[in-house]
């Protein structure tokens, strides 16, 4: 088998990988389950924390409510719109205490530094349009592949 080097002028794309098999890139699809067993997939940003994947969301989100009821989830690498890029693997999710929020914010800020330049203004506009969401508390999900 021969391997070819990239042509001059082409850019090599690197992906951030985590210890979970098949999970690379910027987006993670979390499949959490409703009471009736129906799965709900949500694309989210994530960071690696030594074998656990950490996700930041809001305390009142549907995924947090579903995970508190049933910690079994499916995870897979995905696109920003949720299109799966790897085979889903079973995992277990838990909601971490509020003391973890600052640390995870720093980790997210490092990984998504440039993305946040675009997202922060959009979130500010959303906050003005939805004042009832202004005081939502952040929640950190720790996801461990089975």
N, C-alpha and C. Protein backbone atom coordinates (compact mmCIF):
# COMPACT_ATOMS: atom_id res chain seq x y z
N UNK A 1 0.85 -1.17 0.00
CA UNK A 1 0.00 0.00 0.00
C UNK A 1 0.90 1.23 0.00
N UNK A 2 0.59 2.18 -0.86
CA UNK A 2 1.37 3.40 -0.90
C UNK A 2 0.56 4.54 -0.33
N UNK A 3 1.25 5.45 0.28
CA UNK A 3 0.58 6.63 0.80
C UNK A 3 1.11 7.84 0.07
N UNK A 4 0.25 8.78 -0.14
CA UNK A 4 0.64 9.97 -0.86
C UNK A 4 0.69 11.15 0.08
N UNK A 5 1.68 11.96 -0.08
CA UNK A 5 1.79 13.19 0.72
C UNK A 5 0.85 14.22 0.12
N UNK A 6 0.34 15.15 0.91
CA UNK A 6 -0.53 16.17 0.36
C UNK A 6 0.23 17.05 -0.62
N UNK A 7 -0.48 17.52 -1.63
CA UNK A 7 0.13 18.40 -2.62
C UNK A 7 0.53 19.71 -1.96
N UNK A 8 1.54 20.36 -2.54
CA UNK A 8 1.96 21.65 -2.01
C UNK A 8 0.79 22.62 -2.04
N UNK A 9 0.67 23.40 -1.02
CA UNK A 9 -0.39 24.40 -0.97
C UNK A 9 -1.69 23.89 -0.38
N UNK A 10 -1.80 22.57 -0.15
CA UNK A 10 -3.01 22.08 0.49
C UNK A 10 -2.83 22.12 1.99
N UNK A 11 -3.89 22.35 2.66
CA UNK A 11 -3.85 22.48 4.11
C UNK A 11 -4.26 21.17 4.77
N UNK A 12 -3.50 20.75 5.75
CA UNK A 12 -3.85 19.55 6.51
C UNK A 12 -4.83 19.96 7.60
N UNK A 13 -5.93 19.26 7.70
CA UNK A 13 -6.92 19.55 8.73
C UNK A 13 -6.70 18.62 9.91
N UNK A 14 -6.59 19.19 11.09
CA UNK A 14 -6.45 18.37 12.28
C UNK A 14 -7.74 18.43 13.06
N UNK A 15 -8.04 17.36 13.73
CA UNK A 15 -9.24 17.29 14.55
C UNK A 15 -8.83 17.05 15.99
N UNK A 16 -9.59 17.63 16.88
CA UNK A 16 -9.36 17.38 18.30
C UNK A 16 -9.98 16.03 18.59
N UNK A 17 -9.22 15.12 19.16
CA UNK A 17 -9.78 13.81 19.46
C UNK A 17 -9.89 13.64 20.97
N UNK A 18 -10.77 12.76 21.34
CA UNK A 18 -10.96 12.45 22.75
C UNK A 18 -10.77 10.96 22.93
N UNK A 19 -10.75 10.50 24.16
CA UNK A 19 -10.51 9.09 24.42
C UNK A 19 -11.69 8.21 24.05
N UNK A 20 -12.88 8.78 23.94
CA UNK A 20 -14.03 7.98 23.55
C UNK A 20 -13.84 7.55 22.10
N UNK A 21 -13.98 6.26 21.79
CA UNK A 21 -13.72 5.80 20.43
C UNK A 21 -14.69 6.44 19.44
N UNK A 22 -14.14 7.00 18.36
CA UNK A 22 -14.97 7.55 17.29
C UNK A 22 -15.47 8.96 17.54
N UNK A 23 -15.15 9.58 18.64
CA UNK A 23 -15.65 10.92 18.92
C UNK A 23 -14.52 11.92 18.66
N UNK A 24 -14.61 12.63 17.56
CA UNK A 24 -13.63 13.65 17.21
C UNK A 24 -14.38 14.88 16.71
N UNK A 25 -13.70 15.99 16.65
CA UNK A 25 -14.29 17.20 16.10
C UNK A 25 -14.85 18.13 17.15
N UNK A 26 -15.72 19.02 16.70
CA UNK A 26 -16.28 20.05 17.57
C UNK A 26 -17.62 19.69 18.18
N UNK A 27 -18.36 18.81 17.53
CA UNK A 27 -19.75 18.58 17.94
C UNK A 27 -20.00 17.14 18.34
N UNK A 28 -20.82 17.00 19.36
CA UNK A 28 -21.20 15.71 19.90
C UNK A 28 -22.72 15.62 19.87
N UNK A 29 -23.24 14.52 19.37
CA UNK A 29 -24.69 14.29 19.42
C UNK A 29 -24.97 13.47 20.67
N UNK A 30 -25.85 14.00 21.51
CA UNK A 30 -26.27 13.29 22.72
C UNK A 30 -27.70 12.83 22.50
N UNK A 31 -27.92 11.52 22.56
CA UNK A 31 -29.27 10.96 22.45
C UNK A 31 -29.75 10.65 23.86
N UNK A 32 -30.67 11.48 24.36
CA UNK A 32 -31.28 11.22 25.67
C UNK A 32 -32.69 10.72 25.40
N UNK A 33 -33.30 10.12 26.42
CA UNK A 33 -34.56 9.41 26.18
C UNK A 33 -35.73 9.96 27.01
N UNK A 34 -36.85 10.14 26.32
CA UNK A 34 -38.10 10.57 26.99
C UNK A 34 -38.65 9.41 27.82
N UNK A 35 -39.69 9.72 28.59
CA UNK A 35 -40.32 8.70 29.43
C UNK A 35 -40.82 7.51 28.61
N UNK A 36 -41.31 7.78 27.40
CA UNK A 36 -41.85 6.70 26.56
C UNK A 36 -40.76 5.95 25.79
N UNK A 37 -39.48 6.32 26.01
CA UNK A 37 -38.37 5.62 25.36
C UNK A 37 -37.94 6.23 24.04
N UNK A 38 -38.63 7.24 23.57
CA UNK A 38 -38.26 7.92 22.34
C UNK A 38 -36.97 8.70 22.55
N UNK A 39 -36.04 8.53 21.63
CA UNK A 39 -34.76 9.23 21.73
C UNK A 39 -34.84 10.64 21.18
N UNK A 40 -34.12 11.56 21.81
CA UNK A 40 -34.02 12.94 21.36
C UNK A 40 -32.54 13.26 21.21
N UNK A 41 -32.11 13.50 19.97
CA UNK A 41 -30.70 13.80 19.72
C UNK A 41 -30.48 15.30 19.71
N UNK A 42 -29.41 15.73 20.36
CA UNK A 42 -29.07 17.15 20.44
C UNK A 42 -27.58 17.33 20.15
N UNK A 43 -27.23 18.17 19.14
CA UNK A 43 -25.81 18.45 18.92
C UNK A 43 -25.32 19.50 19.91
N UNK A 44 -24.16 19.24 20.52
CA UNK A 44 -23.61 20.15 21.53
C UNK A 44 -22.10 20.26 21.36
N UNK A 45 -21.52 21.32 21.92
CA UNK A 45 -20.07 21.45 22.05
C UNK A 45 -19.64 20.59 23.23
N UNK A 46 -18.40 20.10 23.19
CA UNK A 46 -17.92 19.27 24.28
C UNK A 46 -16.41 19.45 24.44
N UNK A 47 -15.92 19.10 25.60
CA UNK A 47 -14.48 19.06 25.86
C UNK A 47 -14.16 17.73 26.54
N UNK A 48 -12.93 17.28 26.35
CA UNK A 48 -12.47 16.05 26.97
C UNK A 48 -11.91 16.36 28.36
N UNK A 49 -12.23 15.51 29.31
CA UNK A 49 -11.71 15.67 30.67
C UNK A 49 -11.22 14.31 31.15
N UNK A 50 -10.18 13.81 30.50
CA UNK A 50 -9.59 12.54 30.93
C UNK A 50 -10.52 11.35 30.80
N UNK A 51 -11.13 11.17 29.67
CA UNK A 51 -12.02 10.03 29.46
C UNK A 51 -13.49 10.36 29.60
N UNK A 52 -13.78 11.47 30.23
CA UNK A 52 -15.17 11.95 30.31
C UNK A 52 -15.33 13.09 29.32
N UNK A 53 -16.49 13.21 28.76
CA UNK A 53 -16.81 14.33 27.89
C UNK A 53 -17.69 15.28 28.69
N UNK A 54 -17.30 16.56 28.70
CA UNK A 54 -18.07 17.55 29.45
C UNK A 54 -18.83 18.44 28.49
N UNK A 55 -20.08 18.69 28.83
CA UNK A 55 -20.98 19.50 28.01
C UNK A 55 -21.59 20.56 28.91
N UNK A 56 -21.67 21.78 28.39
CA UNK A 56 -22.30 22.87 29.15
C UNK A 56 -23.66 23.18 28.51
N UNK A 57 -24.67 23.26 29.34
CA UNK A 57 -26.03 23.56 28.88
C UNK A 57 -26.73 24.36 29.99
N UNK A 58 -28.04 24.46 29.94
CA UNK A 58 -28.77 25.16 31.00
C UNK A 58 -29.55 24.17 31.86
N UNK A 59 -29.71 24.52 33.11
CA UNK A 59 -30.36 23.66 34.09
C UNK A 59 -31.78 23.25 33.67
N UNK A 60 -32.49 24.14 33.02
CA UNK A 60 -33.88 23.85 32.65
C UNK A 60 -34.05 23.21 31.29
N UNK A 61 -32.97 22.84 30.63
CA UNK A 61 -33.09 22.26 29.29
C UNK A 61 -33.70 20.87 29.34
N UNK A 62 -34.32 20.49 28.24
CA UNK A 62 -34.94 19.17 28.16
C UNK A 62 -33.95 18.04 28.37
N UNK A 63 -32.74 18.18 27.81
CA UNK A 63 -31.77 17.09 27.95
C UNK A 63 -31.37 16.87 29.40
N UNK A 64 -31.27 17.95 30.18
CA UNK A 64 -30.93 17.80 31.61
C UNK A 64 -32.07 17.08 32.33
N UNK A 65 -33.29 17.46 32.05
CA UNK A 65 -34.44 16.79 32.69
C UNK A 65 -34.49 15.32 32.32
N UNK A 66 -34.26 14.99 31.04
CA UNK A 66 -34.28 13.59 30.61
C UNK A 66 -33.14 12.80 31.23
N UNK A 67 -31.94 13.40 31.32
CA UNK A 67 -30.78 12.70 31.88
C UNK A 67 -30.94 12.48 33.38
N UNK A 68 -31.54 13.41 34.09
CA UNK A 68 -31.79 13.21 35.52
C UNK A 68 -32.71 11.99 35.73
N UNK A 69 -33.65 11.81 34.82
CA UNK A 69 -34.59 10.69 34.91
C UNK A 69 -33.95 9.38 34.45
N UNK A 70 -33.13 9.45 33.38
CA UNK A 70 -32.52 8.26 32.81
C UNK A 70 -31.12 8.62 32.32
N UNK A 71 -30.07 8.23 33.05
CA UNK A 71 -28.71 8.63 32.69
C UNK A 71 -28.11 7.89 31.49
N UNK A 72 -28.81 6.89 30.96
CA UNK A 72 -28.31 6.18 29.78
C UNK A 72 -28.49 7.06 28.54
N UNK A 73 -27.41 7.27 27.80
CA UNK A 73 -27.46 8.09 26.59
C UNK A 73 -26.67 7.39 25.49
N UNK A 74 -26.86 7.87 24.28
CA UNK A 74 -26.03 7.44 23.15
C UNK A 74 -25.26 8.66 22.69
N UNK A 75 -24.00 8.49 22.30
CA UNK A 75 -23.20 9.62 21.84
C UNK A 75 -22.53 9.28 20.52
N UNK A 76 -22.33 10.30 19.70
CA UNK A 76 -21.65 10.13 18.42
C UNK A 76 -21.11 11.48 17.97
N UNK A 77 -20.04 11.46 17.20
CA UNK A 77 -19.55 12.69 16.57
C UNK A 77 -20.61 13.13 15.57
N UNK A 78 -20.79 14.43 15.43
CA UNK A 78 -21.81 14.92 14.50
C UNK A 78 -21.42 16.28 13.95
N UNK A 79 -22.21 16.76 13.00
CA UNK A 79 -22.03 18.10 12.45
C UNK A 79 -22.76 19.09 13.34
N UNK A 80 -22.63 20.38 13.04
CA UNK A 80 -23.31 21.41 13.83
C UNK A 80 -24.82 21.25 13.76
N UNK A 81 -25.32 20.68 12.70
CA UNK A 81 -26.77 20.48 12.57
C UNK A 81 -27.24 19.13 13.09
N UNK A 82 -26.30 18.31 13.59
CA UNK A 82 -26.68 17.05 14.20
C UNK A 82 -26.55 15.83 13.30
N UNK A 83 -26.03 15.99 12.10
CA UNK A 83 -25.85 14.84 11.20
C UNK A 83 -24.70 13.98 11.75
N UNK A 84 -25.00 12.72 12.02
CA UNK A 84 -24.01 11.84 12.64
C UNK A 84 -22.83 11.60 11.72
N UNK A 85 -21.63 11.61 12.32
CA UNK A 85 -20.39 11.35 11.59
C UNK A 85 -19.69 10.11 12.10
N UNK A 86 -20.26 9.46 13.08
CA UNK A 86 -19.71 8.20 13.59
C UNK A 86 -20.87 7.35 14.09
N UNK A 87 -20.57 6.11 14.36
CA UNK A 87 -21.57 5.19 14.89
C UNK A 87 -21.82 5.55 16.36
N UNK A 88 -23.09 5.68 16.77
CA UNK A 88 -23.38 5.99 18.18
C UNK A 88 -22.88 4.89 19.11
N UNK A 89 -22.38 5.31 20.26
CA UNK A 89 -21.94 4.37 21.28
C UNK A 89 -22.71 4.64 22.57
N UNK A 90 -22.97 3.61 23.36
CA UNK A 90 -23.69 3.82 24.62
C UNK A 90 -22.79 4.52 25.64
N UNK A 91 -23.41 5.35 26.45
CA UNK A 91 -22.69 6.09 27.48
C UNK A 91 -23.62 6.37 28.65
N UNK A 92 -23.03 6.92 29.69
CA UNK A 92 -23.79 7.29 30.90
C UNK A 92 -23.50 8.75 31.19
N UNK A 93 -24.56 9.52 31.46
CA UNK A 93 -24.41 10.95 31.72
C UNK A 93 -24.83 11.26 33.15
N UNK A 94 -24.19 12.28 33.70
CA UNK A 94 -24.58 12.75 35.03
C UNK A 94 -24.46 14.27 35.05
N UNK A 95 -25.26 14.90 35.88
CA UNK A 95 -25.21 16.35 36.05
C UNK A 95 -24.24 16.63 37.19
N UNK A 96 -23.21 17.43 36.90
CA UNK A 96 -22.20 17.76 37.90
C UNK A 96 -22.66 18.93 38.78
N UNK A 97 -22.05 19.09 39.95
CA UNK A 97 -22.42 20.20 40.83
C UNK A 97 -22.04 21.55 40.22
N UNK A 98 -22.72 22.63 40.64
CA UNK A 98 -22.45 23.97 40.10
C UNK A 98 -21.01 24.43 40.27
N UNK A 99 -20.27 23.87 41.20
CA UNK A 99 -18.88 24.26 41.43
C UNK A 99 -18.00 23.99 40.21
N UNK A 100 -18.43 23.12 39.30
CA UNK A 100 -17.65 22.75 38.11
C UNK A 100 -17.81 23.75 36.96
N UNK A 101 -18.77 24.66 37.05
CA UNK A 101 -19.10 25.54 35.93
C UNK A 101 -17.91 26.39 35.48
N UNK A 102 -17.23 27.04 36.39
CA UNK A 102 -16.10 27.91 36.02
C UNK A 102 -15.00 27.16 35.29
N UNK A 103 -14.65 26.01 35.80
CA UNK A 103 -13.59 25.21 35.19
C UNK A 103 -13.97 24.79 33.77
N UNK A 104 -15.20 24.36 33.59
CA UNK A 104 -15.65 23.90 32.27
C UNK A 104 -15.78 25.10 31.31
N UNK A 105 -16.18 26.25 31.82
CA UNK A 105 -16.22 27.46 30.98
C UNK A 105 -14.84 27.78 30.43
N UNK A 106 -13.81 27.64 31.27
CA UNK A 106 -12.43 27.89 30.81
C UNK A 106 -12.03 26.88 29.74
N UNK A 107 -12.33 25.60 29.97
CA UNK A 107 -11.99 24.58 28.98
C UNK A 107 -12.71 24.83 27.65
N UNK A 108 -13.97 25.18 27.73
CA UNK A 108 -14.75 25.47 26.52
C UNK A 108 -14.18 26.70 25.81
N UNK A 109 -13.80 27.70 26.59
CA UNK A 109 -13.23 28.91 26.01
C UNK A 109 -11.94 28.64 25.24
N UNK A 110 -11.13 27.70 25.73
CA UNK A 110 -9.90 27.35 25.03
C UNK A 110 -10.19 26.62 23.72
N UNK A 111 -11.09 25.65 23.77
CA UNK A 111 -11.37 24.84 22.59
C UNK A 111 -12.15 25.61 21.53
N UNK A 112 -13.10 26.45 21.95
CA UNK A 112 -14.00 27.14 21.02
C UNK A 112 -13.75 28.64 20.97
N UNK A 113 -12.52 29.04 21.16
CA UNK A 113 -12.15 30.45 21.24
C UNK A 113 -12.71 31.26 20.06
N UNK A 114 -12.46 30.83 18.84
CA UNK A 114 -12.90 31.59 17.66
C UNK A 114 -14.39 31.46 17.42
N UNK A 115 -14.96 30.32 17.70
CA UNK A 115 -16.40 30.13 17.55
C UNK A 115 -17.18 31.06 18.47
N UNK A 116 -16.66 31.27 19.67
CA UNK A 116 -17.34 32.12 20.64
C UNK A 116 -17.40 33.58 20.19
N UNK A 117 -16.45 34.01 19.35
CA UNK A 117 -16.50 35.38 18.82
C UNK A 117 -17.79 35.63 18.04
N UNK A 118 -18.30 34.60 17.40
CA UNK A 118 -19.54 34.72 16.63
C UNK A 118 -20.77 34.39 17.45
N UNK A 119 -20.64 33.45 18.36
CA UNK A 119 -21.79 32.97 19.13
C UNK A 119 -22.21 33.94 20.23
N UNK A 120 -21.27 34.57 20.90
CA UNK A 120 -21.62 35.48 22.01
C UNK A 120 -22.58 36.59 21.59
N UNK A 121 -22.34 37.30 20.47
CA UNK A 121 -23.30 38.33 20.07
C UNK A 121 -24.69 37.76 19.77
N UNK A 122 -24.73 36.57 19.20
CA UNK A 122 -26.03 35.94 18.91
C UNK A 122 -26.75 35.61 20.20
N UNK A 123 -26.03 35.10 21.19
CA UNK A 123 -26.65 34.80 22.49
C UNK A 123 -27.13 36.07 23.18
N UNK A 124 -26.41 37.18 23.02
CA UNK A 124 -26.84 38.45 23.63
C UNK A 124 -28.15 38.91 23.01
N UNK A 125 -28.28 38.76 21.72
CA UNK A 125 -29.53 39.14 21.03
C UNK A 125 -30.66 38.23 21.49
N UNK A 126 -30.40 36.94 21.59
CA UNK A 126 -31.42 36.00 22.06
C UNK A 126 -31.87 36.34 23.48
N UNK A 127 -30.93 36.74 24.33
CA UNK A 127 -31.26 37.09 25.71
C UNK A 127 -32.19 38.30 25.77
N UNK A 128 -31.97 39.26 24.87
CA UNK A 128 -32.85 40.43 24.83
C UNK A 128 -34.24 40.07 24.35
N UNK A 129 -34.32 39.14 23.42
CA UNK A 129 -35.61 38.75 22.86
C UNK A 129 -36.38 37.81 23.79
N UNK A 130 -35.67 37.11 24.69
CA UNK A 130 -36.30 36.15 25.60
C UNK A 130 -35.87 36.46 27.04
N UNK A 131 -36.44 37.52 27.63
CA UNK A 131 -36.01 37.90 28.99
C UNK A 131 -36.24 36.81 30.04
N UNK A 132 -37.20 35.90 29.80
CA UNK A 132 -37.45 34.83 30.76
C UNK A 132 -36.28 33.85 30.85
N UNK A 133 -35.40 33.85 29.86
CA UNK A 133 -34.26 32.93 29.86
C UNK A 133 -32.99 33.56 30.44
N UNK A 134 -33.02 34.84 30.74
CA UNK A 134 -31.82 35.55 31.20
C UNK A 134 -31.18 34.96 32.44
N UNK A 135 -31.99 34.48 33.35
CA UNK A 135 -31.47 34.01 34.63
C UNK A 135 -31.33 32.50 34.71
N UNK A 136 -31.32 31.83 33.55
CA UNK A 136 -31.15 30.38 33.56
C UNK A 136 -29.76 30.02 34.08
N UNK A 137 -29.70 29.05 34.95
CA UNK A 137 -28.45 28.61 35.53
C UNK A 137 -27.77 27.59 34.62
N UNK A 138 -26.44 27.66 34.49
CA UNK A 138 -25.74 26.67 33.67
C UNK A 138 -25.69 25.32 34.38
N UNK A 139 -25.62 24.27 33.58
CA UNK A 139 -25.47 22.91 34.09
C UNK A 139 -24.36 22.23 33.30
N UNK A 140 -23.59 21.41 33.96
CA UNK A 140 -22.51 20.68 33.33
C UNK A 140 -22.87 19.20 33.32
N UNK A 141 -22.82 18.61 32.13
CA UNK A 141 -23.05 17.18 31.98
C UNK A 141 -21.69 16.48 31.81
N UNK A 142 -21.48 15.42 32.55
CA UNK A 142 -20.28 14.58 32.38
C UNK A 142 -20.75 13.28 31.75
N UNK A 143 -20.18 12.96 30.59
CA UNK A 143 -20.60 11.78 29.85
C UNK A 143 -19.43 10.80 29.79
N UNK A 144 -19.69 9.59 30.24
CA UNK A 144 -18.67 8.55 30.25
C UNK A 144 -19.11 7.42 29.33
N UNK A 145 -18.32 7.14 28.27
CA UNK A 145 -18.67 6.01 27.40
C UNK A 145 -18.63 4.70 28.17
N UNK A 146 -19.56 3.81 27.85
CA UNK A 146 -19.61 2.49 28.51
C UNK A 146 -18.52 1.58 28.01
